[in-house]
Amino acid sequence: MICRYDEAVASAMNALRMSPDGVDINYKVAQMYAIQKNSYEAIEMLTKAVSLHFDLNMILDIDFFNIRTSPEFIDAIKIKQKTE
């Protein structure tokens, strides 16, 4: 399998410029960054998706395994719990 995450992220970022509050796009970009082990960027995008009311169950996706124990990831989950 050829991984072209950089191209995928670039395409998703273009989509975000057109729809900055696109919850699904923010979430997908967070997934791509997490898979690449770019923790800072993954948390940043995940936090935005959560603040836009993304489903908490989706945040527990296996793609976030690399960052799941980070304090920032836990903080992102707390944001979601506060809005429910």
C-alpha atoms as a PDB file:
ATOM      1  CA  MET A   1       0.000   0.000   0.000  1.00  0.00           C
ATOM      2  CA  ILE A   2       1.365   3.391  -0.953  1.00  0.00           C
ATOM      3  CA  CYS A   3       0.629   5.996   1.703  1.00  0.00           C
ATOM      4  CA  ARG A   4       0.113   9.477   0.349  1.00  0.00           C
ATOM      5  CA  TYR A   5      -0.916  11.194   3.557  1.00  0.00           C
ATOM      6  CA  ASP A   6       0.776  14.485   2.667  1.00  0.00           C
ATOM      7  CA  GLU A   7      -1.341  14.776  -0.475  1.00  0.00           C
ATOM      8  CA  ALA A   8      -4.469  13.747   1.412  1.00  0.00           C
ATOM      9  CA  VAL A   9      -3.827  16.325   4.143  1.00  0.00           C
ATOM     10  CA  ALA A  10      -3.202  19.031   1.527  1.00  0.00           C
ATOM     11  CA  SER A  11      -6.503  18.197  -0.193  1.00  0.00           C
ATOM     12  CA  ALA A  12      -8.363  18.196   3.112  1.00  0.00           C
ATOM     13  CA  MET A  13      -6.814  21.531   4.090  1.00  0.00           C
ATOM     14  CA  ASN A  14      -8.068  22.981   0.793  1.00  0.00           C
ATOM     15  CA  ALA A  15     -11.535  21.705   1.694  1.00  0.00           C
ATOM     16  CA  LEU A  16     -11.216  23.358   5.118  1.00  0.00           C
ATOM     17  CA  ARG A  17     -10.459  26.702   3.487  1.00  0.00           C
ATOM     18  CA  MET A  18     -13.821  26.421   1.736  1.00  0.00           C
ATOM     19  CA  SER A  19     -15.644  25.123   4.815  1.00  0.00           C
ATOM     20  CA  PRO A  20     -13.652  25.924   7.986  1.00  0.00           C
ATOM     21  CA  ASP A  21     -16.390  24.617  10.254  1.00  0.00           C
ATOM     22  CA  GLY A  22     -16.685  21.314   8.430  1.00  0.00           C
ATOM     23  CA  VAL A  23     -16.743  18.931  11.374  1.00  0.00           C
ATOM     24  CA  ASP A  24     -16.069  15.825   9.298  1.00  0.00           C
ATOM     25  CA  ILE A  25     -13.158  17.457   7.489  1.00  0.00           C
ATOM     26  CA  ASN A  26     -11.544  18.585  10.749  1.00  0.00           C
ATOM     27  CA  TYR A  27     -11.961  15.069  12.111  1.00  0.00           C
ATOM     28  CA  LYS A  28     -10.472  13.397   9.015  1.00  0.00           C
ATOM     29  CA  VAL A  29      -7.464  15.730   9.047  1.00  0.00           C
ATOM     30  CA  ALA A  30      -6.958  14.906  12.735  1.00  0.00           C
ATOM     31  CA  GLN A  31      -7.025  11.201  11.851  1.00  0.00           C
ATOM     32  CA  MET A  32      -4.460  11.649   9.092  1.00  0.00           C
ATOM     33  CA  TYR A  33      -2.112  13.571  11.375  1.00  0.00           C
ATOM     34  CA  ALA A  34      -2.508  10.985  14.143  1.00  0.00           C
ATOM     35  CA  ILE A  35      -1.674   8.126  11.771  1.00  0.00           C
ATOM     36  CA  GLN A  36       1.473  10.030  10.766  1.00  0.00           C
ATOM     37  CA  LYS A  37       2.292  10.524  14.484  1.00  0.00           C
ATOM     38  CA  ASN A  38       2.037  14.313  14.130  1.00  0.00           C
ATOM     39  CA  SER A  39       0.578  14.671  17.604  1.00  0.00           C
ATOM     40  CA  TYR A  40       0.444  18.460  17.827  1.00  0.00           C
ATOM     41  CA  GLU A  41      -1.437  18.874  14.551  1.00  0.00           C
ATOM     42  CA  ALA A  42      -3.708  15.905  15.297  1.00  0.00           C
ATOM     43  CA  ILE A  43      -4.707  17.329  18.683  1.00  0.00           C
ATOM     44  CA  GLU A  44      -5.258  20.788  17.203  1.00  0.00           C
ATOM     45  CA  MET A  45      -7.641  19.473  14.539  1.00  0.00           C
ATOM     46  CA  LEU A  46      -9.321  17.028  16.913  1.00  0.00           C
ATOM     47  CA  THR A  47      -9.942  19.802  19.437  1.00  0.00           C
ATOM     48  CA  LYS A  48     -11.592  21.871  16.716  1.00  0.00           C
ATOM     49  CA  ALA A  49     -13.756  18.919  15.616  1.00  0.00           C
ATOM     50  CA  VAL A  50     -14.776  18.303  19.223  1.00  0.00           C
ATOM     51  CA  SER A  51     -15.624  21.966  19.773  1.00  0.00           C
ATOM     52  CA  LEU A  52     -17.852  21.722  16.687  1.00  0.00           C
ATOM     53  CA  HIS A  53     -19.734  18.913  18.456  1.00  0.00           C
ATOM     54  CA  PHE A  54     -18.230  15.853  16.803  1.00  0.00           C
ATOM     55  CA  ASP A  55     -19.449  12.492  18.141  1.00  0.00           C
ATOM     56  CA  LEU A  56     -17.348  11.317  21.092  1.00  0.00           C
ATOM     57  CA  ASN A  57     -17.524   7.673  19.995  1.00  0.00           C
ATOM     58  CA  MET A  58     -15.728   8.573  16.770  1.00  0.00           C
ATOM     59  CA  ILE A  59     -12.894  10.155  18.746  1.00  0.00           C
ATOM     60  CA  LEU A  60     -12.100   6.750  20.218  1.00  0.00           C
ATOM     61  CA  ASP A  61     -11.245   5.464  16.719  1.00  0.00           C
ATOM     62  CA  ILE A  62      -8.129   3.259  16.430  1.00  0.00           C
ATOM     63  CA  ASP A  63      -6.484   5.933  14.252  1.00  0.00           C
ATOM     64  CA  PHE A  64      -5.927   7.981  17.403  1.00  0.00           C
ATOM     65  CA  PHE A  65      -4.127   5.149  19.223  1.00  0.00           C
ATOM     66  CA  ASN A  66      -0.746   6.925  18.917  1.00  0.00           C
ATOM     67  CA  ILE A  67      -1.965  10.012  20.753  1.00  0.00           C
ATOM     68  CA  ARG A  68      -4.665   8.579  23.018  1.00  0.00           C
ATOM     69  CA  THR A  69      -2.568   8.787  26.203  1.00  0.00           C
ATOM     70  CA  SER A  70      -1.387  12.353  25.671  1.00  0.00           C
ATOM     71  CA  PRO A  71      -2.749  14.975  28.069  1.00  0.00           C
ATOM     72  CA  GLU A  72      -3.889  17.072  25.100  1.00  0.00           C
ATOM     73  CA  PHE A  73      -6.000  14.213  23.737  1.00  0.00           C
ATOM     74  CA  ILE A  74      -7.603  13.767  27.137  1.00  0.00           C
ATOM     75  CA  ASP A  75      -8.280  17.521  27.268  1.00  0.00           C
ATOM     76  CA  ALA A  76     -10.001  17.316  23.861  1.00  0.00           C
ATOM     77  CA  ILE A  77     -12.291  14.599  25.188  1.00  0.00           C
ATOM     78  CA  LYS A  78     -13.069  16.737  28.234  1.00  0.00           C
ATOM     79  CA  ILE A  79     -14.208  19.553  25.940  1.00  0.00           C
ATOM     80  CA  LYS A  80     -16.757  17.177  24.420  1.00  0.00           C
ATOM     81  CA  GLN A  81     -17.941  15.951  27.801  1.00  0.00           C
ATOM     82  CA  LYS A  82     -18.533  19.538  28.961  1.00  0.00           C
ATOM     83  CA  THR A  83     -20.780  20.275  25.973  1.00  0.00           C
ATOM     84  CA  GLU A  84     -23.041  17.269  26.526  1.00  0.00           C
END
